[in-house]
PDB file of N, CA and C in Angstrom:
ATOM      1  N   UNK A   1      37.759 -31.344  11.853  1.00  0.00           N
ATOM      2  CA  UNK A   1      39.036 -31.897  12.263  1.00  0.00           C
ATOM      3  C   UNK A   1      39.619 -32.739  11.128  1.00  0.00           C
ATOM      4  N   UNK A   2      40.936 -32.788  11.040  1.00  0.00           N
ATOM      5  CA  UNK A   2      41.597 -33.392   9.875  1.00  0.00           C
ATOM      6  C   UNK A   2      41.306 -34.875   9.728  1.00  0.00           C
ATOM      7  N   UNK A   3      41.087 -35.580  10.832  1.00  0.00           N
ATOM      8  CA  UNK A   3      40.802 -37.013  10.733  1.00  0.00           C
ATOM      9  C   UNK A   3      39.445 -37.255  10.083  1.00  0.00           C
ATOM     10  N   UNK A   4      38.481 -36.428  10.409  1.00  0.00           N
ATOM     11  CA  UNK A   4      37.155 -36.553   9.786  1.00  0.00           C
ATOM     12  C   UNK A   4      37.245 -36.243   8.286  1.00  0.00           C
ATOM     13  N   UNK A   5      37.995 -35.199   7.933  1.00  0.00           N
ATOM     14  CA  UNK A   5      38.187 -34.861   6.522  1.00  0.00           C
ATOM     15  C   UNK A   5      38.879 -36.005   5.785  1.00  0.00           C
ATOM     16  N   UNK A   6      39.814 -36.635   6.466  1.00  0.00           N
ATOM     17  CA  UNK A   6      40.533 -37.765   5.878  1.00  0.00           C
ATOM     18  C   UNK A   6      39.570 -38.908   5.568  1.00  0.00           C
ATOM     19  N   UNK A   7      38.709 -39.240   6.516  1.00  0.00           N
ATOM     20  CA  UNK A   7      37.737 -40.315   6.313  1.00  0.00           C
ATOM     21  C   UNK A   7      36.795 -39.996   5.148  1.00  0.00           C
ATOM     22  N   UNK A   8      36.366 -38.757   5.062  1.00  0.00           N
ATOM     23  CA  UNK A   8      35.485 -38.345   3.967  1.00  0.00           C
ATOM     24  C   UNK A   8      36.218 -38.452   2.633  1.00  0.00           C
ATOM     25  N   UNK A   9      37.472 -38.036   2.608  1.00  0.00           N
ATOM     26  CA  UNK A   9      38.276 -38.115   1.388  1.00  0.00           C
ATOM     27  C   UNK A   9      38.447 -39.563   0.944  1.00  0.00           C
ATOM     28  N   UNK A  10      38.711 -40.441   1.900  1.00  0.00           N
ATOM     29  CA  UNK A  10      38.861 -41.866   1.579  1.00  0.00           C
ATOM     30  C   UNK A  10      37.557 -42.428   1.034  1.00  0.00           C
ATOM     31  N   UNK A  11      36.449 -42.117   1.683  1.00  0.00           N
ATOM     32  CA  UNK A  11      35.144 -42.595   1.226  1.00  0.00           C
ATOM     33  C   UNK A  11      34.855 -42.114  -0.195  1.00  0.00           C
ATOM     34  N   UNK A  12      35.125 -40.843  -0.458  1.00  0.00           N
ATOM     35  CA  UNK A  12      34.900 -40.299  -1.805  1.00  0.00           C
ATOM     36  C   UNK A  12      35.784 -40.998  -2.834  1.00  0.00           C
ATOM     37  N   UNK A  13      37.022 -41.249  -2.479  1.00  0.00           N
ATOM     38  CA  UNK A  13      37.955 -41.938  -3.383  1.00  0.00           C
ATOM     39  C   UNK A  13      37.438 -43.342  -3.715  1.00  0.00           C
ATOM     40  N   UNK A  14      36.998 -44.053  -2.690  1.00  0.00           N
ATOM     41  CA  UNK A  14      36.494 -45.412  -2.897  1.00  0.00           C
ATOM     42  C   UNK A  14      35.263 -45.409  -3.798  1.00  0.00           C
ATOM     43  N   UNK A  15      34.351 -44.478  -3.555  1.00  0.00           N
ATOM     44  CA  UNK A  15      33.141 -44.395  -4.379  1.00  0.00           C
ATOM     45  C   UNK A  15      33.477 -44.045  -5.819  1.00  0.00           C
ATOM     46  N   UNK A  16      34.361 -43.072  -5.999  1.00  0.00           N
ATOM     47  CA  UNK A  16      34.750 -42.624  -7.343  1.00  0.00           C
ATOM     48  C   UNK A  16      35.405 -43.755  -8.136  1.00  0.00           C
ATOM     49  N   UNK A  17      36.156 -44.603  -7.450  1.00  0.00           N
ATOM     50  CA  UNK A  17      36.899 -45.674  -8.112  1.00  0.00           C
ATOM     51  C   UNK A  17      36.221 -47.038  -8.013  1.00  0.00           C
ATOM     52  N   UNK A  18      34.956 -47.045  -7.567  1.00  0.00           N
ATOM     53  CA  UNK A  18      34.201 -48.289  -7.451  1.00  0.00           C
ATOM     54  C   UNK A  18      34.930 -49.352  -6.632  1.00  0.00           C
ATOM     55  N   UNK A  19      35.456 -48.946  -5.496  1.00  0.00           N
ATOM     56  CA  UNK A  19      36.192 -49.857  -4.627  1.00  0.00           C
ATOM     57  C   UNK A  19      35.455 -50.029  -3.310  1.00  0.00           C
ATOM     58  N   UNK A  20      35.699 -51.164  -2.688  1.00  0.00           N
ATOM     59  CA  UNK A  20      35.142 -51.444  -1.373  1.00  0.00           C
ATOM     60  C   UNK A  20      36.297 -51.494  -0.380  1.00  0.00           C
ATOM     61  N   UNK A  21      36.127 -50.824   0.741  1.00  0.00           N
ATOM     62  CA  UNK A  21      37.192 -50.778   1.745  1.00  0.00           C
ATOM     63  C   UNK A  21      37.616 -52.186   2.175  1.00  0.00           C
ATOM     64  N   UNK A  22      36.644 -53.065   2.321  1.00  0.00           N
ATOM     65  CA  UNK A  22      36.911 -54.421   2.807  1.00  0.00           C
ATOM     66  C   UNK A  22      37.714 -55.265   1.822  1.00  0.00           C
ATOM     67  N   UNK A  23      37.654 -54.940   0.548  1.00  0.00           N
ATOM     68  CA  UNK A  23      38.311 -55.772  -0.466  1.00  0.00           C
ATOM     69  C   UNK A  23      39.488 -55.075  -1.155  1.00  0.00           C
ATOM     70  N   UNK A  24      40.021 -54.025  -0.535  1.00  0.00           N
ATOM     71  CA  UNK A  24      41.135 -53.309  -1.147  1.00  0.00           C
ATOM     72  C   UNK A  24      42.366 -54.208  -1.258  1.00  0.00           C
ATOM     73  N   UNK A  25      42.903 -54.288  -2.453  1.00  0.00           N
ATOM     74  CA  UNK A  25      44.164 -55.003  -2.666  1.00  0.00           C
ATOM     75  C   UNK A  25      45.307 -54.065  -2.275  1.00  0.00           C
ATOM     76  N   UNK A  26      46.496 -54.620  -2.127  1.00  0.00           N
ATOM     77  CA  UNK A  26      47.641 -53.807  -1.719  1.00  0.00           C
ATOM     78  C   UNK A  26      47.904 -52.679  -2.731  1.00  0.00           C
ATOM     79  N   UNK A  27      47.712 -52.948  -4.019  1.00  0.00           N
ATOM     80  CA  UNK A  27      47.911 -51.893  -5.027  1.00  0.00           C
ATOM     81  C   UNK A  27      46.870 -50.790  -4.858  1.00  0.00           C
ATOM     82  N   UNK A  28      45.647 -51.162  -4.548  1.00  0.00           N
ATOM     83  CA  UNK A  28      44.598 -50.167  -4.309  1.00  0.00           C
ATOM     84  C   UNK A  28      44.955 -49.285  -3.116  1.00  0.00           C
ATOM     85  N   UNK A  29      45.481 -49.917  -2.073  1.00  0.00           N
ATOM     86  CA  UNK A  29      45.866 -49.161  -0.882  1.00  0.00           C
ATOM     87  C   UNK A  29      47.007 -48.207  -1.205  1.00  0.00           C
ATOM     88  N   UNK A  30      47.978 -48.682  -1.988  1.00  0.00           N
ATOM     89  CA  UNK A  30      49.097 -47.809  -2.367  1.00  0.00           C
ATOM     90  C   UNK A  30      48.588 -46.636  -3.191  1.00  0.00           C
ATOM     91  N   UNK A  31      47.690 -46.896  -4.133  1.00  0.00           N
ATOM     92  CA  UNK A  31      47.110 -45.824  -4.948  1.00  0.00           C
ATOM     93  C   UNK A  31      46.352 -44.825  -4.073  1.00  0.00           C
ATOM     94  N   UNK A  32      45.639 -45.331  -3.090  1.00  0.00           N
ATOM     95  CA  UNK A  32      44.895 -44.468  -2.176  1.00  0.00           C
ATOM     96  C   UNK A  32      45.849 -43.617  -1.349  1.00  0.00           C
ATOM     97  N   UNK A  33      46.915 -44.227  -0.842  1.00  0.00           N
ATOM     98  CA  UNK A  33      47.904 -43.478  -0.070  1.00  0.00           C
ATOM     99  C   UNK A  33      48.542 -42.398  -0.946  1.00  0.00           C
ATOM    100  N   UNK A  34      48.812 -42.729  -2.209  1.00  0.00           N
ATOM    101  CA  UNK A  34      49.389 -41.732  -3.113  1.00  0.00           C
ATOM    102  C   UNK A  34      48.403 -40.589  -3.354  1.00  0.00           C
ATOM    103  N   UNK A  35      47.139 -40.922  -3.501  1.00  0.00           N
ATOM    104  CA  UNK A  35      46.105 -39.899  -3.665  1.00  0.00           C
ATOM    105  C   UNK A  35      46.097 -38.963  -2.455  1.00  0.00           C
ATOM    106  N   UNK A  36      46.154 -39.542  -1.259  1.00  0.00           N
ATOM    107  CA  UNK A  36      46.168 -38.737  -0.037  1.00  0.00           C
ATOM    108  C   UNK A  36      47.430 -37.875   0.027  1.00  0.00           C
ATOM    109  N   UNK A  37      48.549 -38.443  -0.413  1.00  0.00           N
ATOM    110  CA  UNK A  37      49.806 -37.696  -0.454  1.00  0.00           C
ATOM    111  C   UNK A  37      49.677 -36.482  -1.373  1.00  0.00           C
ATOM    112  N   UNK A  38      49.095 -36.701  -2.559  1.00  0.00           N
ATOM    113  CA  UNK A  38      48.929 -35.612  -3.522  1.00  0.00           C
ATOM    114  C   UNK A  38      48.032 -34.495  -2.965  1.00  0.00           C
ATOM    115  N   UNK A  39      47.096 -34.871  -2.109  1.00  0.00           N
ATOM    116  CA  UNK A  39      46.192 -33.888  -1.512  1.00  0.00           C
ATOM    117  C   UNK A  39      46.787 -33.188  -0.294  1.00  0.00           C
ATOM    118  N   UNK A  40      47.973 -33.645   0.141  1.00  0.00           N
ATOM    119  CA  UNK A  40      48.625 -33.023   1.287  1.00  0.00           C
ATOM    120  C   UNK A  40      48.198 -33.570   2.630  1.00  0.00           C
ATOM    121  N   UNK A  41      47.616 -34.754   2.647  1.00  0.00           N
ATOM    122  CA  UNK A  41      47.120 -35.331   3.895  1.00  0.00           C
ATOM    123  C   UNK A  41      48.226 -35.625   4.902  1.00  0.00           C
ATOM    124  N   UNK A  42      49.449 -35.771   4.430  1.00  0.00           N
ATOM    125  CA  UNK A  42      50.535 -36.150   5.329  1.00  0.00           C
ATOM    126  C   UNK A  42      51.211 -34.953   5.986  1.00  0.00           C
ATOM    127  N   UNK A  43      50.657 -33.779   5.798  1.00  0.00           N
ATOM    128  CA  UNK A  43      51.210 -32.584   6.441  1.00  0.00           C
ATOM    129  C   UNK A  43      50.790 -32.485   7.910  1.00  0.00           C
ATOM    130  N   UNK A  44      49.753 -33.203   8.276  1.00  0.00           N
ATOM    131  CA  UNK A  44      49.287 -33.197   9.661  1.00  0.00           C
ATOM    132  C   UNK A  44      50.215 -34.056  10.527  1.00  0.00           C
ATOM    133  N   UNK A  45      50.362 -33.673  11.760  1.00  0.00           N
ATOM    134  CA  UNK A  45      51.200 -34.432  12.688  1.00  0.00           C
ATOM    135  C   UNK A  45      50.605 -35.831  12.903  1.00  0.00           C
ATOM    136  N   UNK A  46      51.438 -36.839  12.823  1.00  0.00           N
ATOM    137  CA  UNK A  46      51.058 -38.246  13.019  1.00  0.00           C
ATOM    138  C   UNK A  46      50.115 -38.785  11.944  1.00  0.00           C
ATOM    139  N   UNK A  47      49.993 -38.087  10.836  1.00  0.00           N
ATOM    140  CA  UNK A  47      49.082 -38.531   9.777  1.00  0.00           C
ATOM    141  C   UNK A  47      49.511 -39.874   9.202  1.00  0.00           C
ATOM    142  N   UNK A  48      50.797 -40.080   9.015  1.00  0.00           N
ATOM    143  CA  UNK A  48      51.270 -41.341   8.431  1.00  0.00           C
ATOM    144  C   UNK A  48      50.889 -42.517   9.320  1.00  0.00           C
ATOM    145  N   UNK A  49      51.069 -42.370  10.615  1.00  0.00           N
ATOM    146  CA  UNK A  49      50.693 -43.438  11.551  1.00  0.00           C
ATOM    147  C   UNK A  49      49.196 -43.706  11.502  1.00  0.00           C
ATOM    148  N   UNK A  50      48.414 -42.642  11.484  1.00  0.00           N
ATOM    149  CA  UNK A  50      46.965 -42.772  11.486  1.00  0.00           C
ATOM    150  C   UNK A  50      46.473 -43.433  10.201  1.00  0.00           C
ATOM    151  N   UNK A  51      46.994 -42.988   9.068  1.00  0.00           N
ATOM    152  CA  UNK A  51      46.589 -43.547   7.776  1.00  0.00           C
ATOM    153  C   UNK A  51      46.997 -45.013   7.681  1.00  0.00           C
ATOM    154  N   UNK A  52      48.188 -45.336   8.138  1.00  0.00           N
ATOM    155  CA  UNK A  52      48.636 -46.734   8.139  1.00  0.00           C
ATOM    156  C   UNK A  52      47.680 -47.597   8.950  1.00  0.00           C
ATOM    157  N   UNK A  53      47.288 -47.097  10.100  1.00  0.00           N
ATOM    158  CA  UNK A  53      46.402 -47.856  10.986  1.00  0.00           C
ATOM    159  C   UNK A  53      45.033 -48.098  10.342  1.00  0.00           C
ATOM    160  N   UNK A  54      44.422 -47.057   9.781  1.00  0.00           N
ATOM    161  CA  UNK A  54      43.069 -47.241   9.253  1.00  0.00           C
ATOM    162  C   UNK A  54      43.055 -48.063   7.974  1.00  0.00           C
ATOM    163  N   UNK A  55      44.171 -48.063   7.236  1.00  0.00           N
ATOM    164  CA  UNK A  55      44.220 -48.851   6.006  1.00  0.00           C
ATOM    165  C   UNK A  55      44.783 -50.250   6.227  1.00  0.00           C
ATOM    166  N   UNK A  56      45.201 -50.537   7.445  1.00  0.00           N
ATOM    167  CA  UNK A  56      45.749 -51.857   7.728  1.00  0.00           C
ATOM    168  C   UNK A  56      47.105 -52.079   7.085  1.00  0.00           C
ATOM    169  N   UNK A  57      47.868 -51.011   6.967  1.00  0.00           N
ATOM    170  CA  UNK A  57      49.209 -51.098   6.413  1.00  0.00           C
ATOM    171  C   UNK A  57      50.228 -50.917   7.525  1.00  0.00           C
ATOM    172  N   UNK A  58      51.410 -51.440   7.301  1.00  0.00           N
ATOM    173  CA  UNK A  58      52.480 -51.206   8.259  1.00  0.00           C
ATOM    174  C   UNK A  58      52.954 -49.766   8.169  1.00  0.00           C
ATOM    175  N   UNK A  59      53.347 -49.241   9.292  1.00  0.00           N
ATOM    176  CA  UNK A  59      53.869 -47.881   9.356  1.00  0.00           C
ATOM    177  C   UNK A  59      55.069 -47.729   8.420  1.00  0.00           C
ATOM    178  N   UNK A  60      55.945 -48.731   8.429  1.00  0.00           N
ATOM    179  CA  UNK A  60      57.135 -48.696   7.578  1.00  0.00           C
ATOM    180  C   UNK A  60      56.762 -48.680   6.101  1.00  0.00           C
ATOM    181  N   UNK A  61      55.712 -49.378   5.751  1.00  0.00           N
ATOM    182  CA  UNK A  61      55.255 -49.405   4.356  1.00  0.00           C
ATOM    183  C   UNK A  61      54.833 -48.014   3.907  1.00  0.00           C
ATOM    184  N   UNK A  62      54.070 -47.339   4.726  1.00  0.00           N
ATOM    185  CA  UNK A  62      53.616 -45.990   4.390  1.00  0.00           C
ATOM    186  C   UNK A  62      54.815 -45.055   4.250  1.00  0.00           C
ATOM    187  N   UNK A  63      55.766 -45.142   5.175  1.00  0.00           N
ATOM    188  CA  UNK A  63      56.945 -44.282   5.090  1.00  0.00           C
ATOM    189  C   UNK A  63      57.792 -44.607   3.862  1.00  0.00           C
ATOM    190  N   UNK A  64      57.821 -45.871   3.461  1.00  0.00           N
ATOM    191  CA  UNK A  64      58.543 -46.259   2.246  1.00  0.00           C
ATOM    192  C   UNK A  64      57.897 -45.610   1.022  1.00  0.00           C
ATOM    193  N   UNK A  65      56.569 -45.648   0.957  1.00  0.00           N
ATOM    194  CA  UNK A  65      55.851 -45.003  -0.142  1.00  0.00           C
ATOM    195  C   UNK A  65      56.153 -43.502  -0.166  1.00  0.00           C
ATOM    196  N   UNK A  66      56.079 -42.871   0.985  1.00  0.00           N
ATOM    197  CA  UNK A  66      56.310 -41.432   1.068  1.00  0.00           C
ATOM    198  C   UNK A  66      57.715 -41.073   0.599  1.00  0.00           C
ATOM    199  N   UNK A  67      58.673 -41.885   0.984  1.00  0.00           N
ATOM    200  CA  UNK A  67      60.063 -41.636   0.569  1.00  0.00           C
ATOM    201  C   UNK A  67      60.181 -41.681  -0.954  1.00  0.00           C
ATOM    202  N   UNK A  68      59.500 -42.639  -1.592  1.00  0.00           N
ATOM    203  CA  UNK A  68      59.526 -42.757  -3.043  1.00  0.00           C
ATOM    204  C   UNK A  68      58.948 -41.506  -3.707  1.00  0.00           C
ATOM    205  N   UNK A  69      57.816 -41.034  -3.202  1.00  0.00           N
ATOM    206  CA  UNK A  69      57.120 -39.929  -3.833  1.00  0.00           C
ATOM    207  C   UNK A  69      57.795 -38.584  -3.562  1.00  0.00           C
ATOM    208  N   UNK A  70      58.491 -38.492  -2.458  1.00  0.00           N
ATOM    209  CA  UNK A  70      59.170 -37.226  -2.123  1.00  0.00           C
ATOM    210  C   UNK A  70      60.480 -37.081  -2.880  1.00  0.00           C
ATOM    211  N   UNK A  71      60.996 -38.192  -3.400  1.00  0.00           N
ATOM    212  CA  UNK A  71      62.296 -38.155  -4.098  1.00  0.00           C
ATOM    213  C   UNK A  71      62.162 -37.526  -5.474  1.00  0.00           C
TER     214      UNK A  71
END
Protein backbone atom coordinates (compact mmCIF):
# COMPACT_ATOMS: atom_id res chain seq x y z
CA UNK A 1 0.00 0.00 0.00
CA UNK A 2 1.24 3.50 -0.84
CA UNK A 3 1.35 4.71 2.76
CA UNK A 4 3.70 1.90 3.75
CA UNK A 5 5.91 2.65 0.73
CA UNK A 6 5.89 6.30 1.75
CA UNK A 7 7.09 5.47 5.27
CA UNK A 8 9.86 3.27 3.88
CA UNK A 9 10.91 6.02 1.47
CA UNK A 10 11.04 8.56 4.30
CA UNK A 11 13.07 6.20 6.49
CA UNK A 12 15.53 5.56 3.66
CA UNK A 13 15.86 9.30 2.99
CA UNK A 14 16.57 10.01 6.65
CA UNK A 15 19.19 7.26 6.86
CA UNK A 16 20.87 8.33 3.61
CA UNK A 17 21.07 11.94 4.80
CA UNK A 18 22.03 11.17 8.41
CA UNK A 19 18.89 12.80 9.77
CA UNK A 20 16.68 11.98 12.71
CA UNK A 21 12.92 12.30 12.34
CA UNK A 22 12.63 13.86 15.80
CA UNK A 23 15.13 16.64 15.06
CA UNK A 24 14.16 17.60 11.51
CA UNK A 25 14.44 21.34 10.92
CA UNK A 26 11.92 23.07 8.67
CA UNK A 27 14.47 23.12 5.81
CA UNK A 28 15.01 19.38 6.22
CA UNK A 29 11.26 18.82 6.04
CA UNK A 30 10.99 20.96 2.91
CA UNK A 31 13.85 19.02 1.30
CA UNK A 32 12.15 15.76 2.24
CA UNK A 33 8.83 16.92 0.79
CA UNK A 34 10.64 17.93 -2.40
CA UNK A 35 12.28 14.50 -2.56
CA UNK A 36 8.85 12.87 -2.22
CA UNK A 37 7.50 15.20 -4.91
CA UNK A 38 10.30 14.20 -7.29
CA UNK A 39 9.45 10.54 -6.68
CA UNK A 40 5.78 11.13 -7.51
CA UNK A 41 4.45 10.55 -4.00
CA UNK A 42 1.81 13.25 -4.41
CA UNK A 43 0.01 11.43 -7.21
CA UNK A 44 -1.93 9.39 -4.66
CA UNK A 45 -5.27 10.71 -3.46
CA UNK A 46 -4.95 12.68 -0.19
CA UNK A 47 -1.17 12.24 -0.21
CA UNK A 48 -0.50 15.90 0.56
CA UNK A 49 -2.72 15.78 3.64
CA UNK A 50 -1.15 12.54 4.82
CA UNK A 51 2.43 13.73 4.29
CA UNK A 52 1.69 17.03 6.04
CA UNK A 53 0.29 15.14 9.01
CA UNK A 54 3.18 12.71 9.44
CA UNK A 55 5.81 15.43 9.04
CA UNK A 56 4.05 17.84 11.38
CA UNK A 57 3.61 20.44 8.68
CA UNK A 58 0.57 22.51 7.91
CA UNK A 59 -1.49 21.38 4.97
CA UNK A 60 -1.21 24.86 3.47
CA UNK A 61 2.58 24.73 3.75
CA UNK A 62 2.76 21.50 1.77
CA UNK A 63 0.44 22.90 -0.91
CA UNK A 64 2.57 26.06 -1.08
CA UNK A 65 5.67 23.94 -1.70
CA UNK A 66 3.88 21.92 -4.37
CA UNK A 67 2.72 25.07 -6.13
CA UNK A 68 6.33 26.32 -6.27
CA UNK A 69 7.66 23.07 -7.72
CA UNK A 70 4.86 22.63 -10.25
CA UNK A 71 5.40 26.13 -11.66
